Amino acid sequence: MNTKVLGILAVLAVSACATGGYQPVVDGPRGDKYYSDLQACRSLASQASRQDRSILSGAAVGAAIGGIVGSVDGNLGDGAAAGAGVGAVQGAVRKNNSSNSIVRNCMRNRGHNVVG
């Protein structure tokens, strides 16, 4: 796998982590309390996100699997690199989904009617 493809995968992994702009769908009014609660819930999700190791663990597992597959083709290094890239992207997506879920649950717990 060439370095261009790995670069693209790295960019995707990093961009998938951007959770600061997530806004849940809420049925009802959005007053001052809504926006202050949303900011607090995003902060909580950000704290949890810093403790999450999904990207690193995804990259490690992907590298191991990619290395095994690559060794069959006689190209262990490229297989490991490709697997690490794919695993990192998958880990980033899981991390992003987890952060969004934290925001939704937090907003519900603060009394907002979150529907999505």
PDB file of N, CA and C in Angstrom:
ATOM      1  N   MET A   1       0.862  -1.180   0.000  1.00  0.00           N
ATOM      2  CA  MET A   1       0.000   0.000   0.000  1.00  0.00           C
ATOM      3  C   MET A   1       0.899   1.230   0.000  1.00  0.00           C
ATOM      4  N   ASN A   2       0.587   2.200  -0.845  1.00  0.00           N
ATOM      5  CA  ASN A   2       1.466   3.357  -0.934  1.00  0.00           C
ATOM      6  C   ASN A   2       1.181   4.370   0.159  1.00  0.00           C
ATOM      7  N   THR A   3       2.127   5.313   0.304  1.00  0.00           N
ATOM      8  CA  THR A   3       2.016   6.285   1.392  1.00  0.00           C
ATOM      9  C   THR A   3       0.854   7.247   1.196  1.00  0.00           C
ATOM     10  N   LYS A   4       0.421   7.486  -0.039  1.00  0.00           N
ATOM     11  CA  LYS A   4      -0.729   8.363  -0.287  1.00  0.00           C
ATOM     12  C   LYS A   4      -1.995   7.796   0.360  1.00  0.00           C
ATOM     13  N   VAL A   5      -2.196   6.512   0.165  1.00  0.00           N
ATOM     14  CA  VAL A   5      -3.382   5.867   0.737  1.00  0.00           C
ATOM     15  C   VAL A   5      -3.317   5.899   2.255  1.00  0.00           C
ATOM     16  N   LEU A   6      -2.153   5.646   2.822  1.00  0.00           N
ATOM     17  CA  LEU A   6      -2.015   5.687   4.276  1.00  0.00           C
ATOM     18  C   LEU A   6      -2.263   7.097   4.801  1.00  0.00           C
ATOM     19  N   GLY A   7      -1.810   8.101   4.060  1.00  0.00           N
ATOM     20  CA  GLY A   7      -2.055   9.488   4.451  1.00  0.00           C
ATOM     21  C   GLY A   7      -3.539   9.806   4.473  1.00  0.00           C
ATOM     22  N   ILE A   8      -4.251   9.342   3.467  1.00  0.00           N
ATOM     23  CA  ILE A   8      -5.695   9.569   3.405  1.00  0.00           C
ATOM     24  C   ILE A   8      -6.392   8.883   4.574  1.00  0.00           C
ATOM     25  N   LEU A   9      -5.982   7.661   4.876  1.00  0.00           N
ATOM     26  CA  LEU A   9      -6.574   6.945   6.014  1.00  0.00           C
ATOM     27  C   LEU A   9      -6.306   7.683   7.326  1.00  0.00           C
ATOM     28  N   ALA A  10      -5.110   8.240   7.472  1.00  0.00           N
ATOM     29  CA  ALA A  10      -4.777   8.980   8.690  1.00  0.00           C
ATOM     30  C   ALA A  10      -5.652  10.225   8.821  1.00  0.00           C
ATOM     31  N   VAL A  11      -5.860  10.936   7.715  1.00  0.00           N
ATOM     32  CA  VAL A  11      -6.723  12.123   7.739  1.00  0.00           C
ATOM     33  C   VAL A  11      -8.146  11.739   8.115  1.00  0.00           C
ATOM     34  N   LEU A  12      -8.644  10.650   7.559  1.00  0.00           N
ATOM     35  CA  LEU A  12      -9.989  10.191   7.898  1.00  0.00           C
ATOM     36  C   LEU A  12     -10.100   9.847   9.374  1.00  0.00           C
ATOM     37  N   ALA A  13      -9.070   9.205   9.908  1.00  0.00           N
ATOM     38  CA  ALA A  13      -9.094   8.824  11.319  1.00  0.00           C
ATOM     39  C   ALA A  13      -9.143  10.050  12.213  1.00  0.00           C
ATOM     40  N   VAL A  14      -8.347  11.054  11.881  1.00  0.00           N
ATOM     41  CA  VAL A  14      -8.320  12.267  12.692  1.00  0.00           C
ATOM     42  C   VAL A  14      -9.634  13.028  12.565  1.00  0.00           C
ATOM     43  N   SER A  15     -10.159  13.146  11.352  1.00  0.00           N
ATOM     44  CA  SER A  15     -11.402  13.899  11.169  1.00  0.00           C
ATOM     45  C   SER A  15     -12.590  13.195  11.809  1.00  0.00           C
ATOM     46  N   ALA A  16     -12.540  11.898  11.923  1.00  0.00           N
ATOM     47  CA  ALA A  16     -13.638  11.164  12.561  1.00  0.00           C
ATOM     48  C   ALA A  16     -13.707  11.432  14.053  1.00  0.00           C
ATOM     49  N   CYS A  17     -12.632  11.960  14.616  1.00  0.00           N
ATOM     50  CA  CYS A  17     -12.597  12.229  16.057  1.00  0.00           C
ATOM     51  C   CYS A  17     -13.211  13.564  16.429  1.00  0.00           C
ATOM     52  N   ALA A  18     -13.513  14.378  15.468  1.00  0.00           N
ATOM     53  CA  ALA A  18     -14.027  15.713  15.755  1.00  0.00           C
ATOM     54  C   ALA A  18     -15.464  15.624  16.250  1.00  0.00           C
ATOM     55  N   THR A  19     -15.648  15.783  17.561  1.00  0.00           N
ATOM     56  CA  THR A  19     -16.982  15.659  18.135  1.00  0.00           C
ATOM     57  C   THR A  19     -17.516  16.986  18.634  1.00  0.00           C
ATOM     58  N   GLY A  20     -16.730  18.041  18.583  1.00  0.00           N
ATOM     59  CA  GLY A  20     -17.111  19.322  19.144  1.00  0.00           C
ATOM     60  C   GLY A  20     -18.360  19.915  18.545  1.00  0.00           C
ATOM     61  N   GLY A  21     -18.696  19.584  17.304  1.00  0.00           N
ATOM     62  CA  GLY A  21     -19.838  20.186  16.661  1.00  0.00           C
ATOM     63  C   GLY A  21     -21.104  19.360  16.720  1.00  0.00           C
ATOM     64  N   TYR A  22     -21.058  18.208  17.353  1.00  0.00           N
ATOM     65  CA  TYR A  22     -22.239  17.342  17.387  1.00  0.00           C
ATOM     66  C   TYR A  22     -23.366  18.014  18.164  1.00  0.00           C
ATOM     67  N   GLN A  23     -24.552  17.998  17.583  1.00  0.00           N
ATOM     68  CA  GLN A  23     -25.727  18.556  18.240  1.00  0.00           C
ATOM     69  C   GLN A  23     -26.876  17.568  18.093  1.00  0.00           C
ATOM     70  N   PRO A  24     -27.352  17.020  19.209  1.00  0.00           N
ATOM     71  CA  PRO A  24     -28.436  16.038  19.127  1.00  0.00           C
ATOM     72  C   PRO A  24     -29.743  16.679  18.664  1.00  0.00           C
ATOM     73  N   VAL A  25     -30.603  15.875  18.082  1.00  0.00           N
ATOM     74  CA  VAL A  25     -31.930  16.335  17.664  1.00  0.00           C
ATOM     75  C   VAL A  25     -32.828  16.309  18.895  1.00  0.00           C
ATOM     76  N   VAL A  26     -33.437  17.452  19.173  1.00  0.00           N
ATOM     77  CA  VAL A  26     -34.260  17.591  20.375  1.00  0.00           C
ATOM     78  C   VAL A  26     -35.654  18.046  19.976  1.00  0.00           C
ATOM     79  N   ASP A  27     -36.651  17.399  20.546  1.00  0.00           N
ATOM     80  CA  ASP A  27     -38.041  17.783  20.333  1.00  0.00           C
ATOM     81  C   ASP A  27     -38.428  18.749  21.448  1.00  0.00           C
ATOM     82  N   GLY A  28     -38.562  20.004  21.103  1.00  0.00           N
ATOM     83  CA  GLY A  28     -38.924  21.000  22.099  1.00  0.00           C
ATOM     84  C   GLY A  28     -38.096  22.262  21.954  1.00  0.00           C
ATOM     85  N   PRO A  29     -38.317  23.201  22.865  1.00  0.00           N
ATOM     86  CA  PRO A  29     -37.630  24.494  22.776  1.00  0.00           C
ATOM     87  C   PRO A  29     -36.142  24.381  23.098  1.00  0.00           C
ATOM     88  N   ARG A  30     -35.415  25.310  22.534  1.00  0.00           N
ATOM     89  CA  ARG A  30     -33.961  25.370  22.785  1.00  0.00           C
ATOM     90  C   ARG A  30     -33.633  26.733  23.380  1.00  0.00           C
ATOM     91  N   GLY A  31     -33.828  26.852  24.654  1.00  0.00           N
ATOM     92  CA  GLY A  31     -33.532  28.106  25.349  1.00  0.00           C
ATOM     93  C   GLY A  31     -32.086  28.149  25.819  1.00  0.00           C
ATOM     94  N   ASP A  32     -31.822  29.096  26.715  1.00  0.00           N
ATOM     95  CA  ASP A  32     -30.463  29.250  27.258  1.00  0.00           C
ATOM     96  C   ASP A  32     -30.001  27.987  27.976  1.00  0.00           C
ATOM     97  N   LYS A  33     -30.913  27.344  28.695  1.00  0.00           N
ATOM     98  CA  LYS A  33     -30.560  26.116  29.419  1.00  0.00           C
ATOM     99  C   LYS A  33     -30.082  25.036  28.453  1.00  0.00           C
ATOM    100  N   TYR A  34     -30.716  24.942  27.285  1.00  0.00           N
ATOM    101  CA  TYR A  34     -30.326  23.948  26.287  1.00  0.00           C
ATOM    102  C   TYR A  34     -28.866  24.143  25.889  1.00  0.00           C
ATOM    103  N   TYR A  35     -28.502  25.372  25.567  1.00  0.00           N
ATOM    104  CA  TYR A  35     -27.151  25.626  25.072  1.00  0.00           C
ATOM    105  C   TYR A  35     -26.090  25.468  26.160  1.00  0.00           C
ATOM    106  N   SER A  36     -26.412  25.849  27.385  1.00  0.00           N
ATOM    107  CA  SER A  36     -25.444  25.644  28.468  1.00  0.00           C
ATOM    108  C   SER A  36     -25.305  24.154  28.788  1.00  0.00           C
ATOM    109  N   ASP A  37     -26.413  23.413  28.743  1.00  0.00           N
ATOM    110  CA  ASP A  37     -26.357  21.961  28.958  1.00  0.00           C
ATOM    111  C   ASP A  37     -25.570  21.281  27.839  1.00  0.00           C
ATOM    112  N   LEU A  38     -25.799  21.723  26.595  1.00  0.00           N
ATOM    113  CA  LEU A  38     -25.085  21.131  25.461  1.00  0.00           C
ATOM    114  C   LEU A  38     -23.578  21.330  25.605  1.00  0.00           C
ATOM    115  N   GLN A  39     -23.176  22.528  26.012  1.00  0.00           N
ATOM    116  CA  GLN A  39     -21.750  22.801  26.204  1.00  0.00           C
ATOM    117  C   GLN A  39     -21.170  21.907  27.301  1.00  0.00           C
ATOM    118  N   ALA A  40     -21.902  21.751  28.398  1.00  0.00           N
ATOM    119  CA  ALA A  40     -21.434  20.900  29.501  1.00  0.00           C
ATOM    120  C   ALA A  40     -21.356  19.435  29.064  1.00  0.00           C
ATOM    121  N   CYS A  41     -22.345  18.984  28.285  1.00  0.00           N
ATOM    122  CA  CYS A  41     -22.354  17.587  27.831  1.00  0.00           C
ATOM    123  C   CYS A  41     -21.229  17.325  26.834  1.00  0.00           C
ATOM    124  N   ARG A  42     -20.964  18.291  25.963  1.00  0.00           N
ATOM    125  CA  ARG A  42     -19.838  18.151  25.020  1.00  0.00           C
ATOM    126  C   ARG A  42     -18.514  18.076  25.773  1.00  0.00           C
ATOM    127  N   SER A  43     -18.390  18.867  26.833  1.00  0.00           N
ATOM    128  CA  SER A  43     -17.174  18.840  27.650  1.00  0.00           C
ATOM    129  C   SER A  43     -17.000  17.472  28.318  1.00  0.00           C
ATOM    130  N   LEU A  44     -18.093  16.930  28.811  1.00  0.00           N
ATOM    131  CA  LEU A  44     -18.056  15.600  29.422  1.00  0.00           C
ATOM    132  C   LEU A  44     -17.633  14.543  28.403  1.00  0.00           C
ATOM    133  N   ALA A  45     -18.197  14.621  27.193  1.00  0.00           N
ATOM    134  CA  ALA A  45     -17.838  13.671  26.136  1.00  0.00           C
ATOM    135  C   ALA A  45     -16.374  13.819  25.744  1.00  0.00           C
ATOM    136  N   SER A  46     -15.884  15.038  25.742  1.00  0.00           N
ATOM    137  CA  SER A  46     -14.485  15.279  25.404  1.00  0.00           C
ATOM    138  C   SER A  46     -13.550  14.658  26.443  1.00  0.00           C
ATOM    139  N   GLN A  47     -13.926  14.765  27.715  1.00  0.00           N
ATOM    140  CA  GLN A  47     -13.125  14.150  28.778  1.00  0.00           C
ATOM    141  C   GLN A  47     -13.082  12.636  28.617  1.00  0.00           C
ATOM    142  N   ALA A  48     -14.224  12.052  28.337  1.00  0.00           N
ATOM    143  CA  ALA A  48     -14.286  10.599  28.145  1.00  0.00           C
ATOM    144  C   ALA A  48     -13.503  10.193  26.908  1.00  0.00           C
ATOM    145  N   SER A  49     -13.544  11.023  25.877  1.00  0.00           N
ATOM    146  CA  SER A  49     -12.857  10.736  24.624  1.00  0.00           C
ATOM    147  C   SER A  49     -11.344  10.692  24.823  1.00  0.00           C
ATOM    148  N   ARG A  50     -10.839  11.569  25.682  1.00  0.00           N
ATOM    149  CA  ARG A  50      -9.386  11.586  25.932  1.00  0.00           C
ATOM    150  C   ARG A  50      -8.922  10.299  26.609  1.00  0.00           C
ATOM    151  N   GLN A  51      -9.828   9.644  27.327  1.00  0.00           N
ATOM    152  CA  GLN A  51      -9.478   8.409  28.027  1.00  0.00           C
ATOM    153  C   GLN A  51      -9.673   7.174  27.152  1.00  0.00           C
ATOM    154  N   ASP A  52     -10.331   7.356  26.020  1.00  0.00           N
ATOM    155  CA  ASP A  52     -10.645   6.238  25.126  1.00  0.00           C
ATOM    156  C   ASP A  52      -9.412   5.897  24.285  1.00  0.00           C
ATOM    157  N   ARG A  53      -9.136   4.636  24.149  1.00  0.00           N
ATOM    158  CA  ARG A  53      -7.973   4.186  23.379  1.00  0.00           C
ATOM    159  C   ARG A  53      -8.392   3.449  22.111  1.00  0.00           C
ATOM    160  N   SER A  54      -9.576   3.729  21.582  1.00  0.00           N
ATOM    161  CA  SER A  54     -10.105   3.002  20.431  1.00  0.00           C
ATOM    162  C   SER A  54      -9.203   3.088  19.209  1.00  0.00           C
ATOM    163  N   ILE A  55      -8.660   4.268  18.947  1.00  0.00           N
ATOM    164  CA  ILE A  55      -7.839   4.435  17.745  1.00  0.00           C
ATOM    165  C   ILE A  55      -6.565   3.611  17.863  1.00  0.00           C
ATOM    166  N   LEU A  56      -5.904   3.701  19.026  1.00  0.00           N
ATOM    167  CA  LEU A  56      -4.658   2.951  19.202  1.00  0.00           C
ATOM    168  C   LEU A  56      -4.889   1.450  19.193  1.00  0.00           C
ATOM    169  N   SER A  57      -5.932   1.001  19.882  1.00  0.00           N
ATOM    170  CA  SER A  57      -6.177  -0.435  19.907  1.00  0.00           C
ATOM    171  C   SER A  57      -6.626  -0.928  18.536  1.00  0.00           C
ATOM    172  N   GLY A  58      -7.416  -0.121  17.820  1.00  0.00           N
ATOM    173  CA  GLY A  58      -7.822  -0.492  16.464  1.00  0.00           C
ATOM    174  C   GLY A  58      -6.640  -0.588  15.537  1.00  0.00           C
ATOM    175  N   ALA A  59      -5.702   0.339  15.666  1.00  0.00           N
ATOM    176  CA  ALA A  59      -4.508   0.317  14.819  1.00  0.00           C
ATOM    177  C   ALA A  59      -3.644  -0.900  15.127  1.00  0.00           C
ATOM    178  N   ALA A  60      -3.510  -1.236  16.407  1.00  0.00           N
ATOM    179  CA  ALA A  60      -2.689  -2.383  16.790  1.00  0.00           C
ATOM    180  C   ALA A  60      -3.279  -3.689  16.272  1.00  0.00           C
ATOM    181  N   VAL A  61      -4.578  -3.860  16.462  1.00  0.00           N
ATOM    182  CA  VAL A  61      -5.230  -5.078  15.977  1.00  0.00           C
ATOM    183  C   VAL A  61      -5.164  -5.133  14.455  1.00  0.00           C
ATOM    184  N   GLY A  62      -5.420  -3.999  13.807  1.00  0.00           N
ATOM    185  CA  GLY A  62      -5.352  -3.947  12.340  1.00  0.00           C
ATOM    186  C   GLY A  62      -3.972  -4.257  11.813  1.00  0.00           C
ATOM    187  N   ALA A  63      -2.934  -3.771  12.502  1.00  0.00           N
ATOM    188  CA  ALA A  63      -1.565  -4.042  12.078  1.00  0.00           C
ATOM    189  C   ALA A  63      -1.244  -5.524  12.190  1.00  0.00           C
ATOM    190  N   ALA A  64      -1.701  -6.137  13.274  1.00  0.00           N
ATOM    191  CA  ALA A  64      -1.448  -7.564  13.456  1.00  0.00           C
ATOM    192  C   ALA A  64      -2.134  -8.385  12.369  1.00  0.00           C
ATOM    193  N   ILE A  65      -3.402  -8.088  12.114  1.00  0.00           N
ATOM    194  CA  ILE A  65      -4.133  -8.829  11.080  1.00  0.00           C
ATOM    195  C   ILE A  65      -3.540  -8.543   9.702  1.00  0.00           C
ATOM    196  N   GLY A  66      -3.247  -7.263   9.443  1.00  0.00           N
ATOM    197  CA  GLY A  66      -2.646  -6.900   8.155  1.00  0.00           C
ATOM    198  C   GLY A  66      -1.296  -7.549   7.956  1.00  0.00           C
ATOM    199  N   GLY A  67      -0.523  -7.676   9.032  1.00  0.00           N
ATOM    200  CA  GLY A  67       0.772  -8.330   8.938  1.00  0.00           C
ATOM    201  C   GLY A  67       0.644  -9.805   8.594  1.00  0.00           C
ATOM    202  N   ILE A  68      -0.352 -10.443   9.190  1.00  0.00           N
ATOM    203  CA  ILE A  68      -0.584 -11.860   8.897  1.00  0.00           C
ATOM    204  C   ILE A  68      -0.998 -12.037   7.444  1.00  0.00           C
ATOM    205  N   VAL A  69      -1.952 -11.204   7.001  1.00  0.00           N
ATOM    206  CA  VAL A  69      -2.390 -11.289   5.604  1.00  0.00           C
ATOM    207  C   VAL A  69      -1.248 -10.933   4.668  1.00  0.00           C
ATOM    208  N   GLY A  70      -0.488  -9.903   5.012  1.00  0.00           N
ATOM    209  CA  GLY A  70       0.639  -9.484   4.173  1.00  0.00           C
ATOM    210  C   GLY A  70       1.726 -10.535   4.092  1.00  0.00           C
ATOM    211  N   SER A  71       1.913 -11.299   5.162  1.00  0.00           N
ATOM    212  CA  SER A  71       2.954 -12.323   5.142  1.00  0.00           C
ATOM    213  C   SER A  71       2.607 -13.444   4.164  1.00  0.00           C
ATOM    214  N   VAL A  72       1.324 -13.655   3.941  1.00  0.00           N
ATOM    215  CA  VAL A  72       0.905 -14.652   2.962  1.00  0.00           C
ATOM    216  C   VAL A  72       1.338 -14.221   1.562  1.00  0.00           C
ATOM    217  N   ASP A  73       1.222 -12.916   1.301  1.00  0.00           N
ATOM    218  CA  ASP A  73       1.633 -12.374   0.004  1.00  0.00           C
ATOM    219  C   ASP A  73       3.130 -12.098  -0.053  1.00  0.00           C
ATOM    220  N   GLY A  74       3.823 -12.281   1.048  1.00  0.00           N
ATOM    221  CA  GLY A  74       5.245 -12.013   1.086  1.00  0.00           C
ATOM    222  C   GLY A  74       5.565 -10.546   1.328  1.00  0.00           C
ATOM    223  N   ASN A  75       4.603  -9.774   1.817  1.00  0.00           N
ATOM    224  CA  ASN A  75       4.820  -8.356   2.032  1.00  0.00           C
ATOM    225  C   ASN A  75       4.284  -7.960   3.408  1.00  0.00           C
ATOM    226  N   LEU A  76       4.984  -8.386   4.430  1.00  0.00           N
ATOM    227  CA  LEU A  76       4.558  -8.184   5.814  1.00  0.00           C
ATOM    228  C   LEU A  76       4.404  -6.712   6.165  1.00  0.00           C
ATOM    229  N   GLY A  77       5.364  -5.886   5.785  1.00  0.00           N
ATOM    230  CA  GLY A  77       5.343  -4.460   6.148  1.00  0.00           C
ATOM    231  C   GLY A  77       4.152  -3.725   5.579  1.00  0.00           C
ATOM    232  N   ASP A  78       3.896  -3.890   4.286  1.00  0.00           N
ATOM    233  CA  ASP A  78       2.763  -3.203   3.676  1.00  0.00           C
ATOM    234  C   ASP A  78       1.441  -3.690   4.244  1.00  0.00           C
ATOM    235  N   GLY A  79       1.336  -4.981   4.507  1.00  0.00           N
ATOM    236  CA  GLY A  79       0.107  -5.523   5.085  1.00  0.00           C
ATOM    237  C   GLY A  79      -0.142  -4.958   6.471  1.00  0.00           C
ATOM    238  N   ALA A  80       0.916  -4.859   7.269  1.00  0.00           N
ATOM    239  CA  ALA A  80       0.772  -4.314   8.621  1.00  0.00           C
ATOM    240  C   ALA A  80       0.393  -2.842   8.569  1.00  0.00           C
ATOM    241  N   ALA A  81       1.020  -2.089   7.661  1.00  0.00           N
ATOM    242  CA  ALA A  81       0.712  -0.659   7.533  1.00  0.00           C
ATOM    243  C   ALA A  81      -0.730  -0.446   7.093  1.00  0.00           C
ATOM    244  N   ALA A  82      -1.168  -1.216   6.120  1.00  0.00           N
ATOM    245  CA  ALA A  82      -2.549  -1.088   5.640  1.00  0.00           C
ATOM    246  C   ALA A  82      -3.529  -1.465   6.747  1.00  0.00           C
ATOM    247  N   GLY A  83      -3.241  -2.548   7.436  1.00  0.00           N
ATOM    248  CA  GLY A  83      -4.115  -2.975   8.525  1.00  0.00           C
ATOM    249  C   GLY A  83      -4.179  -1.956   9.642  1.00  0.00           C
ATOM    250  N   ALA A  84      -3.042  -1.321   9.958  1.00  0.00           N
ATOM    251  CA  ALA A  84      -3.027  -0.295  10.999  1.00  0.00           C
ATOM    252  C   ALA A  84      -3.885   0.892  10.592  1.00  0.00           C
ATOM    253  N   GLY A  85      -3.793   1.286   9.327  1.00  0.00           N
ATOM    254  CA  GLY A  85      -4.602   2.411   8.844  1.00  0.00           C
ATOM    255  C   GLY A  85      -6.082   2.124   8.933  1.00  0.00           C
ATOM    256  N   VAL A  86      -6.477   0.953   8.461  1.00  0.00           N
ATOM    257  CA  VAL A  86      -7.893   0.573   8.499  1.00  0.00           C
ATOM    258  C   VAL A  86      -8.365   0.451   9.947  1.00  0.00           C
ATOM    259  N   GLY A  87      -7.556  -0.169  10.792  1.00  0.00           N
ATOM    260  CA  GLY A  87      -7.922  -0.318  12.201  1.00  0.00           C
ATOM    261  C   GLY A  87      -8.051   1.017  12.913  1.00  0.00           C
ATOM    262  N   ALA A  88      -7.167   1.968  12.573  1.00  0.00           N
ATOM    263  CA  ALA A  88      -7.236   3.295  13.185  1.00  0.00           C
ATOM    264  C   ALA A  88      -8.522   4.006  12.787  1.00  0.00           C
ATOM    265  N   VAL A  89      -8.900   3.887  11.531  1.00  0.00           N
ATOM    266  CA  VAL A  89     -10.136   4.514  11.070  1.00  0.00           C
ATOM    267  C   VAL A  89     -11.335   3.896  11.788  1.00  0.00           C
ATOM    268  N   GLN A  90     -11.363   2.578  11.894  1.00  0.00           N
ATOM    269  CA  GLN A  90     -12.464   1.919  12.594  1.00  0.00           C
ATOM    270  C   GLN A  90     -12.522   2.346  14.059  1.00  0.00           C
ATOM    271  N   GLY A  91     -11.345   2.453  14.688  1.00  0.00           N
ATOM    272  CA  GLY A  91     -11.297   2.902  16.083  1.00  0.00           C
ATOM    273  C   GLY A  91     -11.805   4.327  16.236  1.00  0.00           C
ATOM    274  N   ALA A  92     -11.455   5.187  15.281  1.00  0.00           N
ATOM    275  CA  ALA A  92     -11.905   6.578  15.329  1.00  0.00           C
ATOM    276  C   ALA A  92     -13.417   6.670  15.188  1.00  0.00           C
ATOM    277  N   VAL A  93     -13.974   5.860  14.319  1.00  0.00           N
ATOM    278  CA  VAL A  93     -15.432   5.860  14.139  1.00  0.00           C
ATOM    279  C   VAL A  93     -16.124   5.400  15.421  1.00  0.00           C
ATOM    280  N   ARG A  94     -15.594   4.343  16.047  1.00  0.00           N
ATOM    281  CA  ARG A  94     -16.167   3.870  17.320  1.00  0.00           C
ATOM    282  C   ARG A  94     -16.083   4.955  18.387  1.00  0.00           C
ATOM    283  N   LYS A  95     -14.942   5.640  18.436  1.00  0.00           N
ATOM    284  CA  LYS A  95     -14.736   6.693  19.424  1.00  0.00           C
ATOM    285  C   LYS A  95     -15.726   7.835  19.202  1.00  0.00           C
ATOM    286  N   ASN A  96     -15.934   8.221  17.956  1.00  0.00           N
ATOM    287  CA  ASN A  96     -16.867   9.294  17.624  1.00  0.00           C
ATOM    288  C   ASN A  96     -18.297   8.904  17.994  1.00  0.00           C
ATOM    289  N   ASN A  97     -18.685   7.684  17.677  1.00  0.00           N
ATOM    290  CA  ASN A  97     -20.028   7.210  18.030  1.00  0.00           C
ATOM    291  C   ASN A  97     -20.228   7.207  19.542  1.00  0.00           C
ATOM    292  N   SER A  98     -19.195   6.823  20.271  1.00  0.00           N
ATOM    293  CA  SER A  98     -19.268   6.791  21.727  1.00  0.00           C
ATOM    294  C   SER A  98     -19.435   8.206  22.277  1.00  0.00           C
ATOM    295  N   SER A  99     -18.699   9.175  21.737  1.00  0.00           N
ATOM    296  CA  SER A  99     -18.805  10.561  22.198  1.00  0.00           C
ATOM    297  C   SER A  99     -20.197  11.122  21.931  1.00  0.00           C
ATOM    298  N   ASN A 100     -20.739  10.847  20.759  1.00  0.00           N
ATOM    299  CA  ASN A 100     -22.084  11.321  20.433  1.00  0.00           C
ATOM    300  C   ASN A 100     -23.114  10.704  21.372  1.00  0.00           C
ATOM    301  N   SER A 101     -22.936   9.453  21.708  1.00  0.00           N
ATOM    302  CA  SER A 101     -23.842   8.770  22.628  1.00  0.00           C
ATOM    303  C   SER A 101     -23.786   9.404  24.019  1.00  0.00           C
ATOM    304  N   ILE A 102     -22.598   9.797  24.447  1.00  0.00           N
ATOM    305  CA  ILE A 102     -22.452  10.449  25.750  1.00  0.00           C
ATOM    306  C   ILE A 102     -23.212  11.776  25.756  1.00  0.00           C
ATOM    307  N   VAL A 103     -23.090  12.542  24.676  1.00  0.00           N
ATOM    308  CA  VAL A 103     -23.809  13.822  24.592  1.00  0.00           C
ATOM    309  C   VAL A 103     -25.318  13.589  24.638  1.00  0.00           C
ATOM    310  N   ARG A 104     -25.804  12.627  23.855  1.00  0.00           N
ATOM    311  CA  ARG A 104     -27.251  12.338  23.844  1.00  0.00           C
ATOM    312  C   ARG A 104     -27.752  11.945  25.238  1.00  0.00           C
ATOM    313  N   ASN A 105     -27.055  11.021  25.884  1.00  0.00           N
ATOM    314  CA  ASN A 105     -27.485  10.557  27.211  1.00  0.00           C
ATOM    315  C   ASN A 105     -27.416  11.677  28.241  1.00  0.00           C
ATOM    316  N   CYS A 106     -26.387  12.471  28.173  1.00  0.00           N
ATOM    317  CA  CYS A 106     -26.226  13.591  29.095  1.00  0.00           C
ATOM    318  C   CYS A 106     -27.376  14.582  28.940  1.00  0.00           C
ATOM    319  N   MET A 107     -27.714  14.898  27.695  1.00  0.00           N
ATOM    320  CA  MET A 107     -28.813  15.844  27.451  1.00  0.00           C
ATOM    321  C   MET A 107     -30.148  15.263  27.938  1.00  0.00           C
ATOM    322  N   ARG A 108     -30.357  13.974  27.723  1.00  0.00           N
ATOM    323  CA  ARG A 108     -31.582  13.331  28.229  1.00  0.00           C
ATOM    324  C   ARG A 108     -31.651  13.430  29.757  1.00  0.00           C
ATOM    325  N   ASN A 109     -30.514  13.147  30.390  1.00  0.00           N
ATOM    326  CA  ASN A 109     -30.467  13.185  31.854  1.00  0.00           C
ATOM    327  C   ASN A 109     -30.676  14.591  32.410  1.00  0.00           C
ATOM    328  N   ARG A 110     -30.468  15.592  31.600  1.00  0.00           N
ATOM    329  CA  ARG A 110     -30.693  16.978  32.016  1.00  0.00           C
ATOM    330  C   ARG A 110     -32.097  17.463  31.653  1.00  0.00           C
ATOM    331  N   GLY A 111     -32.936  16.532  31.192  1.00  0.00           N
ATOM    332  CA  GLY A 111     -34.339  16.839  30.976  1.00  0.00           C
ATOM    333  C   GLY A 111     -34.738  17.229  29.568  1.00  0.00           C
ATOM    334  N   HIS A 112     -33.832  17.106  28.613  1.00  0.00           N
ATOM    335  CA  HIS A 112     -34.166  17.447  27.226  1.00  0.00           C
ATOM    336  C   HIS A 112     -34.728  16.215  26.515  1.00  0.00           C
ATOM    337  N   ASN A 113     -35.714  16.419  25.658  1.00  0.00           N
ATOM    338  CA  ASN A 113     -36.348  15.324  24.923  1.00  0.00           C
ATOM    339  C   ASN A 113     -35.542  15.015  23.658  1.00  0.00           C
ATOM    340  N   VAL A 114     -34.449  14.271  23.816  1.00  0.00           N
ATOM    341  CA  VAL A 114     -33.563  13.933  22.707  1.00  0.00           C
ATOM    342  C   VAL A 114     -34.165  12.790  21.909  1.00  0.00           C
ATOM    343  N   VAL A 115     -34.306  13.004  20.604  1.00  0.00           N
ATOM    344  CA  VAL A 115     -34.885  11.966  19.745  1.00  0.00           C
ATOM    345  C   VAL A 115     -33.851  11.372  18.791  1.00  0.00           C
ATOM    346  N   GLY A 116     -32.683  11.927  18.741  1.00  0.00           N
ATOM    347  CA  GLY A 116     -31.647  11.387  17.842  1.00  0.00           C
ATOM    348  C   GLY A 116     -30.339  12.069  17.947  1.00  0.00           C
TER     349      GLY A 116
END
